[in-house]
Amino acid sequence: MELQLYFYHQEISLTPKEIFSVIKSDEKLLNTIEKLTDIEYINSTSMPREEGTRAILQYSASPVEAEITGFRQDRRIELELEIPAGTVKAMFNIVPVEDRSEVTISAKLFTDSPVSFVLYALKIPSIKKQFDGAAERLGRN
């Protein structure tokens, strides 16, 4: 089963390079995403934002295994996060528009559990509130 957890599509007054300066910085990500408290890389890599990078994200005091499954410099990053309920596939895409950017963020849960599907469907309003706040903070970084 597939459940759209979050979708955001807006123009913001930053260039793709300015936006990716936040995405590429662990410190800035920790300050932007409310419940993210630590990032620990599993595999050694010289560039932690490349396809195949694996990490443990401490999110709401729970470890979440994550892997970058797609990356295009200053344009797109795709992640898979393994959570007890299933797999979350997240995508962050940026399209340059003159001196600003069109930003699309999507997160979907893939699960075989009807119970997890229903529980996460009930969490969508709080997920939306949290990540809309992160998108606003991104525009201020």
Protein backbone atom coordinates (compact mmCIF):
# COMPACT_ATOMS: atom_id res chain seq x y z
CA MET A 1 0.00 0.00 0.00
CA GLU A 2 1.17 3.51 -0.78
CA LEU A 3 0.30 6.59 1.28
CA GLN A 4 1.25 10.19 0.37
CA LEU A 5 2.52 11.56 3.70
CA TYR A 6 3.63 14.97 2.51
CA PHE A 7 3.63 17.10 -0.63
CA TYR A 8 4.95 20.66 -0.99
CA HIS A 9 5.26 22.70 -4.18
CA GLN A 10 6.14 26.41 -3.98
CA GLU A 11 8.40 29.05 -5.46
CA ILE A 12 10.85 30.47 -2.94
CA SER A 13 13.18 33.43 -3.20
CA LEU A 14 16.44 31.46 -3.13
CA THR A 15 18.58 30.01 -5.90
CA PRO A 16 19.06 26.24 -6.14
CA LYS A 17 22.66 26.69 -4.93
CA GLU A 18 21.47 28.60 -1.83
CA ILE A 19 18.88 25.89 -1.07
CA PHE A 20 21.41 23.09 -1.51
CA SER A 21 23.83 24.87 0.82
CA VAL A 22 21.31 23.93 3.54
CA ILE A 23 20.73 20.40 2.24
CA LYS A 24 24.49 19.74 2.05
CA SER A 25 25.18 20.95 5.60
CA ASP A 26 24.45 18.60 8.50
CA GLU A 27 24.44 21.53 10.90
CA LYS A 28 21.91 23.48 8.83
CA LEU A 29 19.69 20.41 8.38
CA LEU A 30 19.68 19.81 12.13
CA ASN A 31 18.58 23.43 12.61
CA THR A 32 15.93 23.22 9.88
CA ILE A 33 14.20 19.87 10.51
CA GLU A 34 12.53 20.17 13.91
CA LYS A 35 12.87 16.63 15.31
CA LEU A 36 16.15 15.66 13.61
CA THR A 37 18.88 15.62 16.29
CA ASP A 38 21.84 13.75 14.75
CA ILE A 39 23.20 12.27 11.51
CA GLU A 40 25.69 9.38 11.70
CA TYR A 41 27.11 8.06 8.42
CA ILE A 42 27.26 4.27 8.07
CA ASN A 43 29.53 4.09 5.05
CA SER A 44 32.59 6.26 4.68
CA THR A 45 32.26 8.69 1.83
CA SER A 46 34.14 11.80 0.82
CA MET A 47 30.87 13.45 -0.26
CA PRO A 48 28.02 12.65 2.16
CA ARG A 49 25.42 13.84 -0.36
CA GLU A 50 25.84 11.31 -3.13
CA GLU A 51 23.91 8.29 -4.33
CA GLY A 52 24.55 5.28 -2.10
CA THR A 53 25.33 7.27 1.05
CA ARG A 54 23.82 5.53 4.07
CA ALA A 55 23.21 7.08 7.48
CA ILE A 56 21.38 6.69 10.74
CA LEU A 57 19.18 9.72 11.42
CA GLN A 58 18.21 10.33 15.04
CA TYR A 59 14.67 11.53 14.58
CA SER A 60 12.39 12.08 17.59
CA ALA A 61 14.86 10.04 19.71
CA SER A 62 14.47 7.05 17.36
CA PRO A 63 17.13 5.87 14.92
CA VAL A 64 16.02 5.76 11.28
CA GLU A 65 18.19 4.14 8.62
CA ALA A 66 18.36 6.25 5.47
CA GLU A 67 19.98 5.91 2.07
CA ILE A 68 20.38 8.45 -0.71
CA THR A 69 19.00 6.67 -3.78
CA GLY A 70 19.28 9.55 -6.23
CA PHE A 71 21.27 12.77 -6.37
CA ARG A 72 21.75 15.54 -8.92
CA GLN A 73 23.94 18.44 -7.77
CA ASP A 74 21.89 21.51 -6.79
CA ARG A 75 18.72 20.01 -8.32
CA ARG A 76 17.44 16.79 -6.76
CA ILE A 77 17.93 14.38 -3.87
CA GLU A 78 15.99 11.16 -3.29
CA LEU A 79 16.03 9.18 -0.03
CA GLU A 80 14.67 5.93 1.31
CA LEU A 81 14.06 5.72 5.05
CA GLU A 82 13.39 2.42 6.80
CA ILE A 83 10.90 2.84 9.63
CA PRO A 84 9.03 0.15 11.59
CA ALA A 85 5.89 0.81 9.53
CA GLY A 86 7.64 0.27 6.17
CA THR A 87 9.70 2.35 3.76
CA VAL A 88 9.39 6.11 3.29
CA LYS A 89 10.53 7.37 -0.10
CA ALA A 90 11.27 11.08 -0.05
CA MET A 91 12.17 13.40 -2.91
CA PHE A 92 13.38 16.99 -2.89
CA ASN A 93 13.47 18.64 -6.34
CA ILE A 94 14.47 22.17 -7.33
CA VAL A 95 13.87 23.92 -10.65
CA PRO A 96 15.59 27.29 -11.19
CA VAL A 97 13.23 30.14 -12.09
CA GLU A 98 15.20 33.34 -12.77
CA ASP A 99 16.60 34.40 -9.34
CA ARG A 100 14.40 32.03 -7.31
CA SER A 101 13.48 28.34 -7.26
CA GLU A 102 10.47 26.13 -7.68
CA VAL A 103 10.69 23.57 -4.86
CA THR A 104 8.86 20.25 -4.73
CA ILE A 105 9.07 17.96 -1.70
CA SER A 106 7.30 14.62 -1.56
CA ALA A 107 7.25 11.78 0.98
CA LYS A 108 5.35 8.51 0.54
CA LEU A 109 5.00 5.55 2.87
CA PHE A 110 5.10 2.06 1.36
CA THR A 111 3.74 -0.56 3.76
CA ASP A 112 2.13 -3.98 3.77
CA SER A 113 0.41 -3.28 7.08
CA PRO A 114 -3.17 -1.93 7.01
CA VAL A 115 -2.72 -0.84 10.65
CA SER A 116 0.41 1.19 9.81
CA PHE A 117 -1.39 2.69 6.81
CA VAL A 118 -4.26 3.91 8.99
CA LEU A 119 -1.98 5.13 11.81
CA TYR A 120 0.17 7.17 9.42
CA ALA A 121 -2.89 8.51 7.60
CA LEU A 122 -3.97 9.96 10.95
CA LYS A 123 -0.51 11.57 11.37
CA ILE A 124 -0.62 13.45 8.04
CA PRO A 125 -1.82 16.78 9.55
CA SER A 126 1.04 16.83 12.09
CA ILE A 127 3.57 15.75 9.44
CA LYS A 128 2.35 18.54 7.17
CA LYS A 129 2.62 21.12 9.95
CA GLN A 130 6.13 20.01 10.89
CA PHE A 131 7.54 19.92 7.36
CA ASP A 132 5.78 23.11 6.25
CA GLY A 133 7.66 24.71 9.17
CA ALA A 134 10.93 23.17 7.93
CA ALA A 135 10.24 24.51 4.42
CA GLU A 136 9.69 28.00 5.92
CA ARG A 137 12.96 27.75 7.89
CA LEU A 138 14.73 26.63 4.73
CA GLY A 139 13.72 29.89 3.09
CA ARG A 140 15.25 31.82 6.02
CA ASN A 141 18.63 29.94 6.12
